[in-house]
């Protein structure tokens, strides 16, 4: 009987160390799994595509019959990431207002699908947004306020990665007479100050 009691006491004393060892083993497994996931996520961040707005192309188009000017704007997107971007879609829109855009201004979008894969360093172009020379001329005295906005949506080459998006929202500031042809006597300069909001990237 005494021997059984001593055996039970010994077994009870071993429960504590055994439980502690099991807990350490479980914790070690969790840390290893977390390290593997973190390494994978870090590698994907390093190798991901990153599409940014490289510039806005501007062109004055003159109609000699009507003797009127219109201005064409398009967004040029560049993949500055380390891997290609796939299933991209792009958009650009313009609006002419008789007041400054309010803080809650709603950006309506129309996207054009692109089925090509954009390689590292590759460019992607939107269609053109057109603004008349008369509207831009009125904006030089703030009778009108002209804005451009757009976005690009794409995915990385990794499977099951979330859709990424880069957006811009600019005001168009033009110097010179945009209702006339460009010449030495009428140089045209265009600036695109950020509006602060709606300029995001994921």
N, C-alpha and C. Protein backbone atom coordinates (compact mmCIF):
# COMPACT_ATOMS: atom_id res chain seq x y z
N UNK A 1 0.84 -1.20 0.00
CA UNK A 1 0.00 0.00 0.00
C UNK A 1 0.87 1.25 0.00
N UNK A 2 1.89 1.22 0.83
CA UNK A 2 2.80 2.37 0.93
C UNK A 2 3.52 2.60 -0.39
N UNK A 3 3.88 1.48 -1.05
CA UNK A 3 4.56 1.61 -2.34
C UNK A 3 3.66 2.24 -3.39
N UNK A 4 2.38 1.94 -3.36
CA UNK A 4 1.43 2.53 -4.30
C UNK A 4 1.29 4.03 -4.08
N UNK A 5 1.28 4.43 -2.80
CA UNK A 5 1.16 5.86 -2.48
C UNK A 5 2.37 6.62 -3.00
N UNK A 6 3.57 6.00 -2.80
CA UNK A 6 4.78 6.66 -3.27
C UNK A 6 4.78 6.76 -4.80
N UNK A 7 4.29 5.76 -5.47
CA UNK A 7 4.23 5.80 -6.94
C UNK A 7 3.26 6.88 -7.43
N UNK A 8 2.13 7.01 -6.73
CA UNK A 8 1.14 8.04 -7.10
C UNK A 8 1.73 9.43 -6.91
N UNK A 9 2.46 9.62 -5.77
CA UNK A 9 3.08 10.92 -5.52
C UNK A 9 4.11 11.25 -6.60
N UNK A 10 4.90 10.26 -7.00
CA UNK A 10 5.92 10.48 -8.02
C UNK A 10 5.28 10.85 -9.36
N UNK A 11 4.19 10.17 -9.67
CA UNK A 11 3.49 10.46 -10.93
C UNK A 11 2.91 11.87 -10.93
N UNK A 12 2.38 12.26 -9.77
CA UNK A 12 1.80 13.61 -9.66
C UNK A 12 2.86 14.68 -9.83
N UNK A 13 4.06 14.42 -9.27
CA UNK A 13 5.14 15.39 -9.38
C UNK A 13 5.63 15.52 -10.82
N UNK A 14 5.45 14.50 -11.65
CA UNK A 14 5.90 14.53 -13.04
C UNK A 14 4.91 15.23 -13.98
N UNK A 15 3.70 15.42 -13.48
CA UNK A 15 2.68 16.06 -14.33
C UNK A 15 3.09 17.48 -14.68
N UNK A 16 3.58 18.23 -13.68
CA UNK A 16 3.97 19.62 -13.91
C UNK A 16 5.03 19.76 -14.98
N UNK A 17 6.20 19.12 -14.88
CA UNK A 17 7.22 19.22 -15.93
C UNK A 17 6.74 18.75 -17.29
N UNK A 18 5.95 17.68 -17.31
CA UNK A 18 5.46 17.17 -18.60
C UNK A 18 4.53 18.18 -19.26
N UNK A 19 3.66 18.80 -18.48
CA UNK A 19 2.73 19.82 -19.03
C UNK A 19 3.51 21.01 -19.55
N UNK A 20 4.56 21.42 -18.79
CA UNK A 20 5.37 22.57 -19.18
C UNK A 20 6.10 22.28 -20.50
N UNK A 21 6.64 21.07 -20.62
CA UNK A 21 7.35 20.68 -21.83
C UNK A 21 6.42 20.65 -23.03
N UNK A 22 5.20 20.14 -22.81
CA UNK A 22 4.22 20.10 -23.90
C UNK A 22 3.83 21.50 -24.33
N UNK A 23 3.69 22.42 -23.36
CA UNK A 23 3.33 23.80 -23.67
C UNK A 23 4.42 24.47 -24.49
N UNK A 24 5.69 24.22 -24.10
CA UNK A 24 6.80 24.80 -24.86
C UNK A 24 6.83 24.26 -26.28
N UNK A 25 6.57 22.98 -26.43
CA UNK A 25 6.56 22.38 -27.76
C UNK A 25 5.47 22.99 -28.63
N UNK A 26 4.27 23.18 -28.06
CA UNK A 26 3.15 23.77 -28.80
C UNK A 26 3.47 25.21 -29.19
N UNK A 27 4.05 25.96 -28.23
CA UNK A 27 4.40 27.35 -28.51
C UNK A 27 5.46 27.43 -29.60
N UNK A 28 6.42 26.50 -29.56
CA UNK A 28 7.44 26.49 -30.60
C UNK A 28 6.86 26.23 -31.97
N UNK A 29 5.88 25.34 -32.05
CA UNK A 29 5.23 25.05 -33.33
C UNK A 29 4.52 26.28 -33.87
N UNK A 30 3.85 27.01 -32.98
CA UNK A 30 3.15 28.23 -33.39
C UNK A 30 4.14 29.27 -33.91
N UNK A 31 5.27 29.44 -33.21
CA UNK A 31 6.26 30.42 -33.63
C UNK A 31 6.86 30.06 -34.99
N UNK A 32 7.09 28.79 -35.23
CA UNK A 32 7.64 28.35 -36.51
C UNK A 32 6.64 28.63 -37.63
N UNK A 33 5.37 28.32 -37.39
CA UNK A 33 4.34 28.56 -38.40
C UNK A 33 4.21 30.04 -38.69
N UNK A 34 4.23 30.86 -37.64
CA UNK A 34 4.14 32.32 -37.82
C UNK A 34 5.32 32.84 -38.61
N UNK A 35 6.53 32.31 -38.32
CA UNK A 35 7.73 32.74 -39.03
C UNK A 35 7.64 32.40 -40.51
N UNK A 36 7.11 31.21 -40.83
CA UNK A 36 6.96 30.81 -42.23
C UNK A 36 5.99 31.74 -42.96
N UNK A 37 4.84 32.04 -42.32
CA UNK A 37 3.85 32.92 -42.93
C UNK A 37 4.40 34.32 -43.11
N UNK A 38 5.13 34.82 -42.09
CA UNK A 38 5.69 36.16 -42.17
C UNK A 38 6.74 36.24 -43.26
N UNK A 39 7.55 35.20 -43.40
CA UNK A 39 8.55 35.17 -44.47
C UNK A 39 7.89 35.18 -45.84
N UNK A 40 6.81 34.40 -45.97
CA UNK A 40 6.09 34.36 -47.25
C UNK A 40 5.47 35.70 -47.58
N UNK A 41 4.82 36.34 -46.57
CA UNK A 41 4.20 37.64 -46.81
C UNK A 41 5.25 38.69 -47.13
N UNK A 42 6.39 38.64 -46.43
CA UNK A 42 7.46 39.59 -46.68
C UNK A 42 8.00 39.42 -48.10
N UNK A 43 8.15 38.16 -48.54
CA UNK A 43 8.64 37.91 -49.89
C UNK A 43 7.66 38.42 -50.93
N UNK A 44 6.37 38.25 -50.68
CA UNK A 44 5.38 38.75 -51.63
C UNK A 44 5.38 40.27 -51.67
N UNK A 45 5.59 40.93 -50.52
CA UNK A 45 5.67 42.39 -50.52
C UNK A 45 6.88 42.86 -51.30
N UNK A 46 7.98 42.14 -51.18
CA UNK A 46 9.19 42.52 -51.90
C UNK A 46 9.03 42.31 -53.40
N UNK A 47 8.30 41.28 -53.80
CA UNK A 47 8.20 40.91 -55.21
C UNK A 47 6.93 41.40 -55.87
N UNK A 48 6.08 42.11 -55.17
CA UNK A 48 4.79 42.50 -55.71
C UNK A 48 4.92 43.52 -56.84
N UNK A 49 3.88 43.59 -57.66
CA UNK A 49 3.76 44.66 -58.64
C UNK A 49 3.33 45.93 -57.91
N UNK A 50 3.74 47.08 -58.45
CA UNK A 50 3.35 48.36 -57.83
C UNK A 50 3.15 49.36 -58.96
N UNK A 51 1.89 49.57 -59.33
CA UNK A 51 1.56 50.42 -60.47
C UNK A 51 1.25 51.83 -59.97
N UNK A 52 1.98 52.81 -60.50
CA UNK A 52 1.84 54.20 -60.08
C UNK A 52 1.55 55.08 -61.30
N UNK A 53 1.03 56.26 -61.04
CA UNK A 53 0.80 57.23 -62.11
C UNK A 53 2.13 57.89 -62.46
N UNK A 54 2.64 57.62 -63.66
CA UNK A 54 3.92 58.18 -64.08
C UNK A 54 3.78 59.64 -64.51
N UNK A 55 2.71 59.94 -65.27
CA UNK A 55 2.51 61.30 -65.75
C UNK A 55 1.14 61.41 -66.38
N UNK A 56 0.75 62.64 -66.69
CA UNK A 56 -0.44 62.92 -67.49
C UNK A 56 0.02 63.48 -68.83
N UNK A 57 -0.31 62.78 -69.90
CA UNK A 57 -0.02 63.30 -71.24
C UNK A 57 -1.06 64.34 -71.62
N UNK A 58 -0.58 65.44 -72.21
CA UNK A 58 -1.49 66.51 -72.65
C UNK A 58 -1.19 66.86 -74.10
N UNK A 59 -2.26 67.05 -74.87
CA UNK A 59 -2.12 67.42 -76.28
C UNK A 59 -3.21 68.39 -76.66
N UNK A 60 -2.84 69.50 -77.29
CA UNK A 60 -3.83 70.44 -77.83
C UNK A 60 -4.16 70.01 -79.25
N UNK A 61 -5.44 69.81 -79.53
CA UNK A 61 -5.90 69.41 -80.86
C UNK A 61 -6.69 70.57 -81.46
N UNK A 62 -6.24 71.05 -82.61
CA UNK A 62 -6.84 72.22 -83.24
C UNK A 62 -7.70 71.81 -84.42
N UNK A 63 -8.92 72.33 -84.44
CA UNK A 63 -9.84 72.10 -85.56
C UNK A 63 -9.76 73.31 -86.48
N UNK A 64 -9.09 73.19 -87.66
CA UNK A 64 -8.91 74.37 -88.51
C UNK A 64 -10.20 74.89 -89.12
N UNK A 65 -11.19 74.00 -89.32
CA UNK A 65 -12.45 74.47 -89.90
C UNK A 65 -13.25 75.28 -88.89
N UNK A 66 -13.39 74.72 -87.70
CA UNK A 66 -14.15 75.42 -86.66
C UNK A 66 -13.30 76.47 -85.95
N UNK A 67 -11.98 76.41 -86.15
CA UNK A 67 -11.03 77.30 -85.46
C UNK A 67 -11.24 77.25 -83.96
N UNK A 68 -11.30 76.01 -83.49
CA UNK A 68 -11.49 75.78 -82.06
C UNK A 68 -10.47 74.76 -81.57
N UNK A 69 -10.15 74.90 -80.31
CA UNK A 69 -9.17 73.99 -79.71
C UNK A 69 -9.88 73.09 -78.70
N UNK A 70 -9.40 71.86 -78.63
CA UNK A 70 -9.78 70.99 -77.54
C UNK A 70 -8.51 70.33 -77.00
N UNK A 71 -8.53 69.98 -75.74
CA UNK A 71 -7.33 69.46 -75.09
C UNK A 71 -7.59 68.02 -74.67
N UNK A 72 -6.64 67.15 -75.02
CA UNK A 72 -6.73 65.73 -74.72
C UNK A 72 -5.77 65.39 -73.58
N UNK A 73 -6.28 64.68 -72.58
CA UNK A 73 -5.48 64.26 -71.43
C UNK A 73 -5.60 62.74 -71.29
N UNK A 74 -4.49 62.10 -71.00
CA UNK A 74 -4.54 60.67 -70.71
C UNK A 74 -3.53 60.33 -69.62
N UNK A 75 -3.88 59.33 -68.83
CA UNK A 75 -3.02 58.89 -67.73
C UNK A 75 -2.04 57.84 -68.24
N UNK A 76 -0.81 57.97 -67.81
CA UNK A 76 0.23 56.98 -68.13
C UNK A 76 0.63 56.30 -66.82
N UNK A 77 0.35 55.00 -66.74
CA UNK A 77 0.66 54.23 -65.54
C UNK A 77 1.92 53.40 -65.77
N UNK A 78 2.75 53.30 -64.74
CA UNK A 78 3.99 52.53 -64.84
C UNK A 78 4.07 51.51 -63.72
N UNK A 79 4.46 50.30 -64.05
CA UNK A 79 4.67 49.25 -63.06
C UNK A 79 6.09 49.37 -62.51
N UNK A 80 6.22 49.91 -61.32
CA UNK A 80 7.54 50.09 -60.70
C UNK A 80 7.83 49.01 -59.67
N UNK A 81 7.04 47.96 -59.67
CA UNK A 81 7.27 46.84 -58.77
C UNK A 81 8.29 45.87 -59.33
N UNK A 82 8.39 44.72 -58.69
CA UNK A 82 9.38 43.72 -59.08
C UNK A 82 8.81 42.60 -59.93
N UNK A 83 7.49 42.53 -60.06
CA UNK A 83 6.86 41.47 -60.84
C UNK A 83 5.78 42.07 -61.75
N UNK A 84 5.32 41.33 -62.74
CA UNK A 84 4.28 41.86 -63.63
C UNK A 84 2.96 42.11 -62.90
N UNK A 85 2.15 42.99 -63.47
CA UNK A 85 0.79 43.23 -63.00
C UNK A 85 -0.16 42.57 -63.98
N UNK A 86 -1.19 41.91 -63.49
CA UNK A 86 -2.09 41.18 -64.38
C UNK A 86 -3.53 41.63 -64.18
N UNK A 87 -4.34 41.42 -65.21
CA UNK A 87 -5.76 41.77 -65.20
C UNK A 87 -5.99 43.23 -64.80
N UNK A 88 -5.27 44.12 -65.44
CA UNK A 88 -5.38 45.54 -65.10
C UNK A 88 -6.58 46.18 -65.80
N UNK A 89 -7.18 47.16 -65.17
CA UNK A 89 -8.18 48.02 -65.79
C UNK A 89 -7.86 49.45 -65.41
N UNK A 90 -8.10 50.38 -66.31
CA UNK A 90 -7.74 51.77 -66.08
C UNK A 90 -8.93 52.67 -66.37
N UNK A 91 -8.90 53.87 -65.82
CA UNK A 91 -9.96 54.84 -66.09
C UNK A 91 -9.40 56.25 -65.96
N UNK A 92 -10.01 57.18 -66.67
CA UNK A 92 -9.74 58.60 -66.51
C UNK A 92 -11.02 59.35 -66.83
N UNK A 93 -11.33 60.37 -66.04
CA UNK A 93 -12.53 61.17 -66.23
C UNK A 93 -12.17 62.64 -66.02
N UNK A 94 -12.99 63.51 -66.58
CA UNK A 94 -12.81 64.94 -66.38
C UNK A 94 -14.16 65.57 -66.06
N UNK A 95 -14.11 66.70 -65.41
CA UNK A 95 -15.33 67.44 -65.10
C UNK A 95 -15.00 68.93 -65.04
N UNK A 96 -15.96 69.73 -65.48
CA UNK A 96 -15.84 71.19 -65.43
C UNK A 96 -16.95 71.70 -64.53
N UNK A 97 -16.59 72.37 -63.44
CA UNK A 97 -17.55 72.88 -62.48
C UNK A 97 -17.49 74.39 -62.44
N UNK A 98 -18.58 75.01 -61.95
CA UNK A 98 -18.57 76.46 -61.76
C UNK A 98 -18.21 76.83 -60.32
N UNK A 99 -17.72 75.86 -59.56
CA UNK A 99 -17.29 76.07 -58.18
C UNK A 99 -16.22 75.03 -57.86
N UNK A 100 -15.48 75.25 -56.78
CA UNK A 100 -14.47 74.28 -56.39
C UNK A 100 -15.14 72.98 -55.95
N UNK A 101 -14.49 71.87 -56.22
CA UNK A 101 -15.04 70.57 -55.86
C UNK A 101 -15.16 70.47 -54.34
N UNK A 102 -16.34 70.11 -53.83
CA UNK A 102 -16.52 69.98 -52.38
C UNK A 102 -15.80 68.77 -51.83
N UNK A 103 -15.67 68.73 -50.51
CA UNK A 103 -14.95 67.62 -49.87
C UNK A 103 -15.61 66.28 -50.14
N UNK A 104 -16.94 66.27 -50.31
CA UNK A 104 -17.65 65.01 -50.54
C UNK A 104 -17.93 64.77 -52.03
N UNK A 105 -17.12 65.38 -52.89
CA UNK A 105 -17.32 65.23 -54.33
C UNK A 105 -17.22 63.77 -54.72
N UNK A 106 -18.22 63.27 -55.45
CA UNK A 106 -18.28 61.86 -55.83
C UNK A 106 -17.59 61.66 -57.17
N UNK A 107 -16.64 60.73 -57.19
CA UNK A 107 -15.90 60.44 -58.41
C UNK A 107 -16.57 59.28 -59.15
N UNK A 108 -17.27 59.60 -60.21
CA UNK A 108 -17.83 58.54 -61.04
C UNK A 108 -16.74 58.01 -61.96
N UNK A 109 -16.75 56.70 -62.17
CA UNK A 109 -15.68 56.09 -62.96
C UNK A 109 -16.24 55.24 -64.08
N UNK A 110 -15.51 55.25 -65.17
CA UNK A 110 -15.78 54.33 -66.28
C UNK A 110 -14.47 53.65 -66.60
N UNK A 111 -14.39 52.34 -66.46
CA UNK A 111 -13.14 51.63 -66.63
C UNK A 111 -13.06 50.97 -67.99
N UNK A 112 -11.84 50.89 -68.50
CA UNK A 112 -11.58 50.15 -69.73
C UNK A 112 -10.72 48.95 -69.36
N UNK A 113 -11.16 47.76 -69.75
CA UNK A 113 -10.44 46.55 -69.39
C UNK A 113 -9.19 46.35 -70.24
N UNK A 114 -8.16 45.80 -69.61
CA UNK A 114 -6.93 45.45 -70.31
C UNK A 114 -6.61 44.00 -69.99
N UNK A 115 -6.46 43.18 -71.00
CA UNK A 115 -6.21 41.76 -70.78
C UNK A 115 -4.72 41.44 -70.80
N UNK A 116 -3.89 42.40 -71.18
CA UNK A 116 -2.45 42.14 -71.23
C UNK A 116 -1.84 42.18 -69.84
N UNK A 117 -0.70 41.51 -69.70
CA UNK A 117 0.07 41.55 -68.46
C UNK A 117 1.14 42.63 -68.61
N UNK A 118 1.24 43.50 -67.64
CA UNK A 118 2.18 44.62 -67.72
C UNK A 118 3.46 44.25 -66.97
N UNK A 119 4.58 44.15 -67.68
CA UNK A 119 5.82 43.70 -67.04
C UNK A 119 6.41 44.77 -66.14
N UNK A 120 7.42 44.39 -65.42
CA UNK A 120 8.17 45.34 -64.60
C UNK A 120 8.70 46.44 -65.50
N UNK A 121 8.42 47.70 -65.12
CA UNK A 121 8.84 48.83 -65.93
C UNK A 121 7.93 49.14 -67.09
N UNK A 122 6.90 48.32 -67.32
CA UNK A 122 5.99 48.53 -68.44
C UNK A 122 4.97 49.62 -68.18
N UNK A 123 4.50 50.26 -69.26
CA UNK A 123 3.52 51.34 -69.17
C UNK A 123 2.15 50.86 -69.61
N UNK A 124 1.13 51.50 -69.08
CA UNK A 124 -0.26 51.24 -69.44
C UNK A 124 -0.94 52.59 -69.63
N UNK A 125 -1.67 52.77 -70.72
CA UNK A 125 -2.26 54.07 -71.05
C UNK A 125 -3.78 54.01 -70.96
N UNK A 126 -4.34 55.08 -70.45
CA UNK A 126 -5.80 55.21 -70.45
C UNK A 126 -6.23 55.78 -71.79
N UNK A 127 -7.54 55.79 -72.01
CA UNK A 127 -8.07 56.54 -73.15
C UNK A 127 -7.94 58.02 -72.83
N UNK A 128 -8.30 58.87 -73.78
CA UNK A 128 -8.20 60.31 -73.55
C UNK A 128 -9.48 60.87 -72.92
N UNK A 129 -9.29 61.86 -72.08
CA UNK A 129 -10.39 62.69 -71.60
C UNK A 129 -10.25 64.05 -72.29
N UNK A 130 -11.35 64.58 -72.81
CA UNK A 130 -11.28 65.81 -73.61
C UNK A 130 -11.94 66.97 -72.87
N UNK A 131 -11.29 68.14 -72.97
CA UNK A 131 -11.81 69.37 -72.36
C UNK A 131 -11.66 70.47 -73.40
N UNK A 132 -12.69 71.26 -73.58
CA UNK A 132 -12.65 72.31 -74.61
C UNK A 132 -11.72 73.44 -74.19
N UNK A 133 -11.18 74.12 -75.22
CA UNK A 133 -10.32 75.27 -74.94
C UNK A 133 -11.07 76.38 -74.22
N UNK A 134 -12.37 76.53 -74.53
CA UNK A 134 -13.15 77.58 -73.88
C UNK A 134 -13.31 77.32 -72.38
N UNK A 135 -13.56 76.07 -72.01
CA UNK A 135 -13.69 75.74 -70.59
C UNK A 135 -12.37 75.96 -69.85
N UNK A 136 -11.27 75.57 -70.49
CA UNK A 136 -9.97 75.78 -69.84
C UNK A 136 -9.62 77.26 -69.77
N UNK A 137 -10.00 78.03 -70.79
CA UNK A 137 -9.76 79.47 -70.75
C UNK A 137 -10.52 80.10 -69.59
N UNK A 138 -11.77 79.69 -69.39
CA UNK A 138 -12.56 80.22 -68.28
C UNK A 138 -11.94 79.84 -66.92
N UNK A 139 -11.24 78.71 -66.88
CA UNK A 139 -10.63 78.29 -65.61
C UNK A 139 -9.44 79.16 -65.22
N UNK A 140 -8.86 79.88 -66.19
CA UNK A 140 -7.70 80.73 -65.87
C UNK A 140 -8.11 81.92 -65.02
N UNK A 141 -9.39 82.28 -65.05
CA UNK A 141 -9.91 83.36 -64.20
C UNK A 141 -10.86 82.81 -63.14
N UNK A 142 -10.85 81.50 -62.96
CA UNK A 142 -11.68 80.79 -61.98
C UNK A 142 -13.18 81.01 -62.19
N UNK A 143 -13.56 81.20 -63.46
CA UNK A 143 -14.99 81.14 -63.77
C UNK A 143 -15.44 79.69 -63.82
N UNK A 144 -14.50 78.80 -64.13
CA UNK A 144 -14.74 77.37 -64.07
C UNK A 144 -13.59 76.72 -63.31
N UNK A 145 -13.82 75.49 -62.86
CA UNK A 145 -12.80 74.70 -62.17
C UNK A 145 -12.77 73.33 -62.83
N UNK A 146 -11.60 72.95 -63.32
CA UNK A 146 -11.46 71.74 -64.13
C UNK A 146 -10.68 70.69 -63.33
N UNK A 147 -11.19 69.46 -63.35
CA UNK A 147 -10.57 68.38 -62.58
C UNK A 147 -10.41 67.13 -63.45
N UNK A 148 -9.38 66.36 -63.12
CA UNK A 148 -9.15 65.05 -63.71
C UNK A 148 -9.03 64.04 -62.59
N UNK A 149 -9.58 62.86 -62.80
CA UNK A 149 -9.37 61.78 -61.83
C UNK A 149 -9.37 60.44 -62.58
N UNK A 150 -8.82 59.45 -61.92
CA UNK A 150 -8.78 58.14 -62.54
C UNK A 150 -8.19 57.11 -61.60
N UNK A 151 -8.11 55.88 -62.10
CA UNK A 151 -7.60 54.80 -61.26
C UNK A 151 -7.06 53.68 -62.15
N UNK A 152 -6.29 52.81 -61.54
CA UNK A 152 -5.86 51.57 -62.17
C UNK A 152 -6.08 50.46 -61.15
N UNK A 153 -6.63 49.35 -61.60
CA UNK A 153 -6.85 48.18 -60.74
C UNK A 153 -6.08 47.00 -61.33
N UNK A 154 -5.42 46.26 -60.48
CA UNK A 154 -4.58 45.16 -60.97
C UNK A 154 -4.34 44.16 -59.85
N UNK A 155 -3.73 43.05 -60.21
CA UNK A 155 -3.34 42.01 -59.25
C UNK A 155 -1.88 41.62 -59.48
N UNK A 156 -1.26 41.08 -58.43
CA UNK A 156 0.10 40.57 -58.56
C UNK A 156 0.05 39.23 -59.30
N UNK A 157 1.23 38.70 -59.60
CA UNK A 157 1.30 37.40 -60.25
C UNK A 157 1.06 36.26 -59.26
N UNK A 158 1.12 36.55 -57.96
CA UNK A 158 0.85 35.52 -56.97
C UNK A 158 -0.63 35.17 -56.97
N UNK A 159 -0.95 33.90 -56.76
CA UNK A 159 -2.34 33.48 -56.72
C UNK A 159 -3.01 33.97 -55.45
N UNK A 160 -4.30 34.24 -55.57
CA UNK A 160 -5.15 34.60 -54.44
C UNK A 160 -4.74 35.91 -53.76
N UNK A 161 -3.96 36.73 -54.43
CA UNK A 161 -3.64 38.04 -53.86
C UNK A 161 -4.82 38.98 -54.08
N UNK A 162 -5.01 39.96 -53.21
CA UNK A 162 -6.16 40.85 -53.35
C UNK A 162 -5.98 41.81 -54.52
N UNK A 163 -7.08 42.34 -55.01
CA UNK A 163 -7.01 43.34 -56.05
C UNK A 163 -6.40 44.62 -55.47
N UNK A 164 -5.49 45.22 -56.22
CA UNK A 164 -4.84 46.45 -55.78
C UNK A 164 -5.35 47.61 -56.62
N UNK A 165 -5.25 48.80 -56.09
CA UNK A 165 -5.77 49.97 -56.80
C UNK A 165 -4.94 51.20 -56.48
N UNK A 166 -4.66 52.00 -57.51
CA UNK A 166 -4.03 53.30 -57.35
C UNK A 166 -4.97 54.34 -57.95
N UNK A 167 -5.22 55.42 -57.20
CA UNK A 167 -6.17 56.45 -57.63
C UNK A 167 -5.51 57.83 -57.61
N UNK A 168 -5.98 58.71 -58.48
CA UNK A 168 -5.53 60.11 -58.43
C UNK A 168 -6.72 61.05 -58.62
N UNK A 169 -6.57 62.26 -58.11
CA UNK A 169 -7.59 63.31 -58.25
C UNK A 169 -6.85 64.63 -58.30
N UNK A 170 -6.82 65.28 -59.50
CA UNK A 170 -6.06 66.51 -59.71
C UNK A 170 -6.97 67.63 -60.17
N UNK A 171 -6.55 68.83 -59.86
CA UNK A 171 -7.13 70.01 -60.50
C UNK A 171 -6.23 70.38 -61.67
N UNK A 172 -6.80 70.86 -62.74
CA UNK A 172 -6.03 71.26 -63.92
C UNK A 172 -5.84 72.77 -63.89
N UNK A 173 -4.59 73.19 -63.81
CA UNK A 173 -4.23 74.61 -63.86
C UNK A 173 -3.45 74.84 -65.14
N UNK A 174 -3.93 75.75 -65.98
CA UNK A 174 -3.31 75.97 -67.28
C UNK A 174 -2.89 77.43 -67.42
N UNK A 175 -1.72 77.64 -67.99
CA UNK A 175 -1.19 78.98 -68.24
C UNK A 175 -1.10 79.21 -69.74
N UNK A 176 -1.38 80.43 -70.17
CA UNK A 176 -1.47 80.73 -71.59
C UNK A 176 -2.93 80.76 -72.01
N UNK A 177 -3.17 80.90 -73.29
CA UNK A 177 -4.54 80.93 -73.81
C UNK A 177 -4.85 79.57 -74.41
N UNK A 178 -5.57 78.71 -73.69
CA UNK A 178 -5.84 77.35 -74.19
C UNK A 178 -6.85 77.30 -75.32
N UNK A 179 -7.47 78.44 -75.66
CA UNK A 179 -8.42 78.47 -76.77
C UNK A 179 -7.73 78.77 -78.09
N UNK A 180 -6.44 78.99 -78.06
CA UNK A 180 -5.68 79.27 -79.28
C UNK A 180 -4.59 78.23 -79.47
N UNK A 181 -4.03 78.20 -80.66
CA UNK A 181 -2.95 77.26 -80.96
C UNK A 181 -1.71 77.63 -80.15
N UNK A 182 -0.90 76.60 -79.86
CA UNK A 182 0.36 76.82 -79.17
C UNK A 182 1.35 77.46 -80.14
N UNK A 183 2.03 78.49 -79.68
CA UNK A 183 3.03 79.16 -80.51
C UNK A 183 4.05 79.81 -79.58
N UNK A 184 5.06 80.40 -80.19
CA UNK A 184 6.06 81.12 -79.38
C UNK A 184 5.43 82.26 -78.61
N UNK A 185 4.39 82.85 -79.19
CA UNK A 185 3.70 83.96 -78.53
C UNK A 185 2.62 83.46 -77.58
N UNK A 186 2.28 82.16 -77.68
CA UNK A 186 1.25 81.60 -76.81
C UNK A 186 1.70 80.23 -76.28
N UNK A 187 2.72 80.22 -75.41
CA UNK A 187 3.12 78.94 -74.81
C UNK A 187 2.05 78.46 -73.82
N UNK A 188 1.84 77.16 -73.79
CA UNK A 188 0.84 76.56 -72.90
C UNK A 188 1.57 75.69 -71.87
N UNK A 189 1.31 75.94 -70.61
CA UNK A 189 1.87 75.12 -69.53
C UNK A 189 0.71 74.62 -68.67
N UNK A 190 0.76 73.33 -68.33
CA UNK A 190 -0.30 72.71 -67.54
C UNK A 190 0.29 72.15 -66.26
N UNK A 191 -0.40 72.39 -65.15
CA UNK A 191 0.00 71.87 -63.85
C UNK A 191 -1.17 71.09 -63.26
N UNK A 192 -0.84 70.10 -62.43
CA UNK A 192 -1.86 69.22 -61.86
C UNK A 192 -1.68 69.13 -60.35
N UNK A 193 -2.12 70.14 -59.62
CA UNK A 193 -1.99 70.04 -58.15
C UNK A 193 -2.90 68.94 -57.58
N UNK A 194 -2.34 68.15 -56.66
CA UNK A 194 -3.13 67.11 -55.99
C UNK A 194 -4.24 67.74 -55.17
N UNK A 195 -5.38 67.08 -55.15
CA UNK A 195 -6.49 67.56 -54.32
C UNK A 195 -6.43 66.99 -52.91
N UNK A 196 -5.42 66.17 -52.63
CA UNK A 196 -5.27 65.61 -51.29
C UNK A 196 -6.07 64.35 -51.11
N UNK A 197 -7.37 64.44 -51.24
CA UNK A 197 -8.22 63.26 -51.09
C UNK A 197 -8.27 62.49 -52.41
N UNK A 198 -8.64 61.25 -52.32
CA UNK A 198 -8.77 60.37 -53.47
C UNK A 198 -7.45 60.07 -54.16
N UNK A 199 -6.33 60.41 -53.54
CA UNK A 199 -5.02 60.02 -54.06
C UNK A 199 -4.49 58.92 -53.16
N UNK A 200 -4.75 57.68 -53.55
CA UNK A 200 -4.43 56.55 -52.69
C UNK A 200 -3.81 55.41 -53.48
N UNK A 201 -3.15 54.51 -52.77
CA UNK A 201 -2.59 53.32 -53.40
C UNK A 201 -2.63 52.18 -52.40
N UNK A 202 -3.00 50.97 -52.86
CA UNK A 202 -3.03 49.80 -52.01
C UNK A 202 -2.11 48.72 -52.55
